[in-house]
Amino acid sequence: MTNESKCDCGGDLGEIQIVDKTSVDGGSHHKLEYTVPEAKRSFWKQAYPVEGEVAALMCQSCGRITLYGRPSDT
């Protein structure tokens, strides 16, 4: 979690999970991830290297959602 605990409106921020519903069966969800702009797809998997996870905070008063990057530990 980030060091911020208050929204611009003065409300408290709480961590939330953004749900990805891109699966065909609708039952499995995946964490949102990010990579760097200059990343290239791997030859074998055709996937981009993951630099970290996208996390989110939501204001309990106004509902504003703030996204931030949580870098991988590797």
N, C-alpha and C. Protein backbone atom coordinates (compact mmCIF):
# COMPACT_ATOMS: atom_id res chain seq x y z
N MET A 1 0.84 -1.18 0.00
CA MET A 1 0.00 0.00 0.00
C MET A 1 0.89 1.24 0.00
N THR A 2 0.39 2.31 -0.58
CA THR A 2 1.17 3.54 -0.64
C THR A 2 1.15 4.25 0.70
N ASN A 3 1.94 5.32 0.82
CA ASN A 3 1.99 6.10 2.06
C ASN A 3 0.76 6.98 2.22
N GLU A 4 0.01 7.18 1.14
CA GLU A 4 -1.15 8.05 1.20
C GLU A 4 -2.28 7.33 1.94
N SER A 5 -2.92 8.02 2.87
CA SER A 5 -4.05 7.43 3.58
C SER A 5 -5.29 8.31 3.49
N LYS A 6 -5.16 9.48 2.84
CA LYS A 6 -6.28 10.40 2.68
C LYS A 6 -6.45 10.81 1.23
N CYS A 7 -7.68 10.96 0.81
CA CYS A 7 -8.02 11.44 -0.53
C CYS A 7 -7.93 12.97 -0.55
N ASP A 8 -7.96 13.53 -1.75
CA ASP A 8 -7.99 15.00 -1.88
C ASP A 8 -9.21 15.60 -1.18
N CYS A 9 -10.31 14.85 -1.10
CA CYS A 9 -11.53 15.35 -0.46
C CYS A 9 -11.46 15.22 1.06
N GLY A 10 -10.43 14.54 1.58
CA GLY A 10 -10.28 14.35 3.02
C GLY A 10 -10.75 13.00 3.51
N GLY A 11 -11.37 12.21 2.64
CA GLY A 11 -11.86 10.89 3.02
C GLY A 11 -10.73 9.88 3.15
N ASP A 12 -11.02 8.79 3.84
CA ASP A 12 -10.04 7.72 4.03
C ASP A 12 -9.95 6.86 2.78
N LEU A 13 -8.72 6.43 2.44
CA LEU A 13 -8.49 5.54 1.31
C LEU A 13 -8.38 4.11 1.81
N GLY A 14 -9.02 3.20 1.08
CA GLY A 14 -8.92 1.78 1.40
C GLY A 14 -8.52 1.00 0.17
N GLU A 15 -7.74 -0.05 0.36
CA GLU A 15 -7.28 -0.86 -0.76
C GLU A 15 -8.45 -1.68 -1.31
N ILE A 16 -8.56 -1.74 -2.64
CA ILE A 16 -9.58 -2.54 -3.31
C ILE A 16 -8.90 -3.39 -4.38
N GLN A 17 -9.63 -4.35 -4.92
CA GLN A 17 -9.12 -5.18 -6.00
C GLN A 17 -9.96 -4.90 -7.24
N ILE A 18 -9.28 -4.58 -8.35
CA ILE A 18 -9.94 -4.40 -9.63
C ILE A 18 -10.09 -5.79 -10.25
N VAL A 19 -11.30 -6.17 -10.64
CA VAL A 19 -11.56 -7.51 -11.15
C VAL A 19 -11.54 -7.52 -12.67
N ASP A 20 -10.73 -8.42 -13.22
CA ASP A 20 -10.62 -8.61 -14.67
C ASP A 20 -11.55 -9.75 -15.06
N LYS A 21 -12.53 -9.47 -15.93
CA LYS A 21 -13.49 -10.49 -16.34
C LYS A 21 -13.30 -10.87 -17.80
N THR A 22 -12.06 -11.07 -18.22
CA THR A 22 -11.80 -11.38 -19.62
C THR A 22 -11.80 -12.87 -19.92
N SER A 23 -11.94 -13.72 -18.92
CA SER A 23 -11.91 -15.16 -19.17
C SER A 23 -13.18 -15.60 -19.88
N VAL A 24 -13.09 -16.65 -20.67
CA VAL A 24 -14.22 -17.16 -21.44
C VAL A 24 -15.29 -17.74 -20.53
N ASP A 25 -14.86 -18.48 -19.50
CA ASP A 25 -15.82 -19.13 -18.62
C ASP A 25 -16.42 -18.17 -17.58
N GLY A 26 -15.84 -17.00 -17.42
CA GLY A 26 -16.35 -16.02 -16.48
C GLY A 26 -16.04 -16.32 -15.02
N GLY A 27 -15.42 -17.45 -14.74
CA GLY A 27 -15.17 -17.84 -13.36
C GLY A 27 -13.81 -17.47 -12.83
N SER A 28 -12.83 -17.33 -13.70
CA SER A 28 -11.48 -17.03 -13.21
C SER A 28 -11.14 -15.56 -13.43
N HIS A 29 -10.45 -14.99 -12.47
CA HIS A 29 -10.04 -13.59 -12.54
C HIS A 29 -8.53 -13.52 -12.46
N HIS A 30 -7.97 -12.48 -13.05
CA HIS A 30 -6.52 -12.32 -13.07
C HIS A 30 -6.15 -10.97 -12.49
N LYS A 31 -5.03 -10.90 -11.80
CA LYS A 31 -4.53 -9.62 -11.31
C LYS A 31 -4.06 -8.79 -12.49
N LEU A 32 -4.27 -7.50 -12.40
CA LEU A 32 -3.78 -6.61 -13.44
C LEU A 32 -2.29 -6.43 -13.26
N GLU A 33 -1.55 -6.48 -14.37
CA GLU A 33 -0.11 -6.34 -14.33
C GLU A 33 0.33 -5.26 -15.31
N TYR A 34 1.57 -4.81 -15.16
CA TYR A 34 2.09 -3.81 -16.08
C TYR A 34 3.50 -4.17 -16.51
N THR A 35 3.92 -3.55 -17.62
CA THR A 35 5.27 -3.71 -18.13
C THR A 35 5.77 -2.34 -18.56
N VAL A 36 7.02 -2.25 -18.96
CA VAL A 36 7.58 -0.96 -19.40
C VAL A 36 7.22 -0.72 -20.87
N PRO A 37 7.14 0.54 -21.31
CA PRO A 37 6.73 0.84 -22.69
C PRO A 37 7.60 0.20 -23.77
N GLU A 38 8.90 0.07 -23.52
CA GLU A 38 9.79 -0.48 -24.54
C GLU A 38 9.89 -2.01 -24.49
N ALA A 39 9.07 -2.68 -23.69
CA ALA A 39 9.12 -4.14 -23.56
C ALA A 39 8.77 -4.82 -24.88
N LYS A 40 9.40 -5.93 -25.11
CA LYS A 40 9.16 -6.75 -26.30
C LYS A 40 8.55 -8.08 -25.88
N ARG A 41 7.65 -8.61 -26.72
CA ARG A 41 7.05 -9.92 -26.45
C ARG A 41 8.12 -11.01 -26.51
N SER A 42 7.98 -12.01 -25.65
CA SER A 42 8.92 -13.13 -25.71
C SER A 42 8.64 -13.95 -26.96
N PHE A 43 9.68 -14.57 -27.50
CA PHE A 43 9.54 -15.33 -28.74
C PHE A 43 8.61 -16.54 -28.57
N TRP A 44 8.80 -17.29 -27.48
CA TRP A 44 8.06 -18.54 -27.30
C TRP A 44 6.65 -18.35 -26.78
N LYS A 45 6.47 -17.53 -25.78
CA LYS A 45 5.15 -17.36 -25.16
C LYS A 45 4.34 -16.22 -25.75
N GLN A 46 4.98 -15.34 -26.51
CA GLN A 46 4.32 -14.16 -27.06
C GLN A 46 3.70 -13.29 -25.97
N ALA A 47 4.33 -13.27 -24.81
CA ALA A 47 3.85 -12.47 -23.68
C ALA A 47 4.89 -11.40 -23.33
N TYR A 48 4.41 -10.30 -22.80
CA TYR A 48 5.31 -9.24 -22.35
C TYR A 48 5.87 -9.59 -20.98
N PRO A 49 7.11 -9.20 -20.66
CA PRO A 49 7.64 -9.43 -19.32
C PRO A 49 6.89 -8.56 -18.30
N VAL A 50 6.55 -9.13 -17.19
CA VAL A 50 5.79 -8.41 -16.16
C VAL A 50 6.75 -7.67 -15.24
N GLU A 51 6.54 -6.38 -15.08
CA GLU A 51 7.35 -5.57 -14.17
C GLU A 51 6.72 -5.46 -12.79
N GLY A 52 5.39 -5.61 -12.73
CA GLY A 52 4.72 -5.50 -11.44
C GLY A 52 3.21 -5.62 -11.57
N GLU A 53 2.55 -5.40 -10.48
CA GLU A 53 1.10 -5.53 -10.37
C GLU A 53 0.46 -4.14 -10.25
N VAL A 54 -0.73 -3.99 -10.80
CA VAL A 54 -1.48 -2.75 -10.65
C VAL A 54 -2.38 -2.91 -9.42
N ALA A 55 -2.23 -2.00 -8.47
CA ALA A 55 -3.03 -2.02 -7.25
C ALA A 55 -3.93 -0.78 -7.24
N ALA A 56 -4.93 -0.77 -6.38
CA ALA A 56 -5.88 0.33 -6.37
C ALA A 56 -6.30 0.71 -4.96
N LEU A 57 -6.57 1.99 -4.78
CA LEU A 57 -7.13 2.52 -3.55
C LEU A 57 -8.43 3.23 -3.91
N MET A 58 -9.43 3.16 -3.03
CA MET A 58 -10.69 3.87 -3.26
C MET A 58 -11.05 4.70 -2.03
N CYS A 59 -11.49 5.92 -2.30
CA CYS A 59 -11.91 6.81 -1.22
C CYS A 59 -13.26 6.33 -0.67
N GLN A 60 -13.34 6.21 0.63
CA GLN A 60 -14.58 5.76 1.27
C GLN A 60 -15.66 6.84 1.26
N SER A 61 -15.28 8.11 0.98
CA SER A 61 -16.26 9.20 0.96
C SER A 61 -16.78 9.51 -0.44
N CYS A 62 -15.86 9.77 -1.38
CA CYS A 62 -16.29 10.22 -2.71
C CYS A 62 -16.24 9.14 -3.78
N GLY A 63 -15.59 8.00 -3.48
CA GLY A 63 -15.53 6.90 -4.44
C GLY A 63 -14.42 6.99 -5.47
N ARG A 64 -13.58 8.01 -5.37
CA ARG A 64 -12.47 8.15 -6.32
C ARG A 64 -11.54 6.94 -6.20
N ILE A 65 -11.15 6.39 -7.36
CA ILE A 65 -10.24 5.25 -7.40
C ILE A 65 -8.89 5.72 -7.94
N THR A 66 -7.83 5.36 -7.23
CA THR A 66 -6.47 5.70 -7.63
C THR A 66 -5.71 4.40 -7.90
N LEU A 67 -5.11 4.31 -9.08
CA LEU A 67 -4.29 3.14 -9.43
C LEU A 67 -2.83 3.47 -9.19
N TYR A 68 -2.04 2.46 -8.78
CA TYR A 68 -0.60 2.65 -8.63
C TYR A 68 0.09 1.33 -8.92
N GLY A 69 1.36 1.41 -9.27
CA GLY A 69 2.14 0.22 -9.57
C GLY A 69 2.83 -0.31 -8.35
N ARG A 70 2.77 -1.63 -8.21
CA ARG A 70 3.47 -2.33 -7.13
C ARG A 70 4.52 -3.22 -7.81
N PRO A 71 5.81 -2.77 -7.88
CA PRO A 71 6.83 -3.53 -8.59
C PRO A 71 7.01 -4.95 -8.06
N SER A 72 7.37 -5.87 -8.97
CA SER A 72 7.64 -7.26 -8.58
C SER A 72 8.88 -7.29 -7.70
N ASP A 73 9.00 -8.32 -6.88
CA ASP A 73 10.13 -8.46 -5.98
C ASP A 73 11.35 -9.01 -6.68
N THR A 74 11.23 -9.49 -7.91
CA THR A 74 12.34 -10.09 -8.62
C THR A 74 13.27 -9.07 -9.20
